[in-house]
């Protein structure tokens, strides 16, 4: 009730002001007025500001850690060393590239240094578990960016899938999954989206892994319009191959399988080298490469010989190493042939000196060097080497382009046709063409004091060629040149007959390809009937499209 005894008000007020509850109320009122007039002094505001500062501080050092993770990932460097436990960076034990890089960054990054010096052991954010978590976050971010590019394509989120398995350093099978699509600037690109561990390599298992990967990435498998794998049975089998199982499991019948054109070319070249003399020459080059690559002493001796034969300026720029032939990349084999052509005289001189062993320093290499020298100076090596170098030279540019991402299948087949026709022309003028090759063989033999001869022929021979001939040139032309070029042409014709694919024929609608074929309309209509707005007037639309395009884009 209201105060009524106003006669003693001053006395009561004075007494009231001495009570603790009055003092507490006055303090609270003053605090309220202060925070009301100055909001930044409020406790909740102070807590929020402190929390925001802590968040900003944590983000700064976490960004530094992420930069280290990104750097090592881009450079393909291992993160961890022999040991990776503990928090500190001051130990002398090599704890790997990641912690060594952080140690260097701390010299210029104050926030990172303060964090690592003051953080709790369970909140350092540099443990091996956190490293893997950060890598997963980066992977998800990159994968999401790739998927967004696929989905933002002008003509729809269509893509092709490319996959192959490979053994990692722990000897586990890893399935690399790549998608191919067209960027906004109309440039085709191929992007790796994930490596998946394979428990087994059966076709159905691989198909399940690919489907799961695409679904997890956010891609609709019904928009997959092509599958590109190697020619192994588990990938290309008509019933149980990964390509066939992908169609069965997804119901996407338009995801046609295409054998990698570069792989097809490699197979064609590999099969064509089964001519005995050429095959032996290729195997010998492997032995020659291992002879030097397995011994720094031999390689150094070869370089000493080269340095004594050429001037310093040429020595600094020329090739000095003989490498074993690459098993899978024929482009590297072309390079190996050229390197051997340049280094041949020096290699022979090196073998002679090692086999003589005048300074008694090659006891363990004498026998091997003597055998290599004998094979290097045989007539069958001269001929096989130059025949292989000459004929495979027609395929070098094709090998390089097929390993890129720009060439489409139409241009690839055109280039294959061009190579095949040129090889057929060489076959037709065999005597003239081989005459020039044989001249190179003769010059190579003269450099090492040899003469190209033919082996003795007998009535019955089972271990080597025994063709009739009147001269060494005729013998080697019939024994090496003709069988090799015939096999090469046959392999190219047999392996590049995919032009009949309906989906492949759709590439003839591209302006640069329009007019190169007039037999593709019906297969396209049949294959893409569900995707075309109207099939009844497709021919008329195609004619209008041809007239609308600038004439310089349409081949005559």
Foldseek 3Di string as FASTA:
>chain_A
DDDDPVVCVVVVVVVVCVDPVNVVVVVVVVVVVVCVVPVCVDPVNVVVVVVVVVVVLVVLLVVVLLVLLVVCVVVVFDAADPDQDDQDLPDPDPGGDSSVVLVVVVVPRVSNVVCSVPPDRVPNCRGPVSSVVSVVVVLLVVLLVVQVQLQPEPVGNAKAKEWDWDADPVRWIKIWIWIWDAGNVRFIDIDTNDIDTQPDLALLSVLVVRVVSCVVSPHQLLRHQEYEYADDCCAPPCPGHNQNNNCVVRVNPRHYYDYQPLQLLLVLLVQLCVQPLSVVLLVLLQVVQCVPVVDVVLLVLLLVLVPVVDDPVCSVPADRHQHRQDPRQVLSVLVNLVNCVVSVLSLLVSLVCLLVCPVVPNVPCNVVSVVSNVVSQALSNLLSSLLSNVLCVLCNVLSVVSPDRGDDPVVSVVSLVVSLVVLVVCLVVVVVNLVVSVVSSQVSNVSVPHGNADDDADDDDDPADRDDDDGSSVVSSVSRNNSSSVSSSVSSVVSPPPCPQLVNLVVCLPLQNPPVDDPNLVSVCVSCVVPDPDSPCPVVVSVVVNVPDPPVSHDD
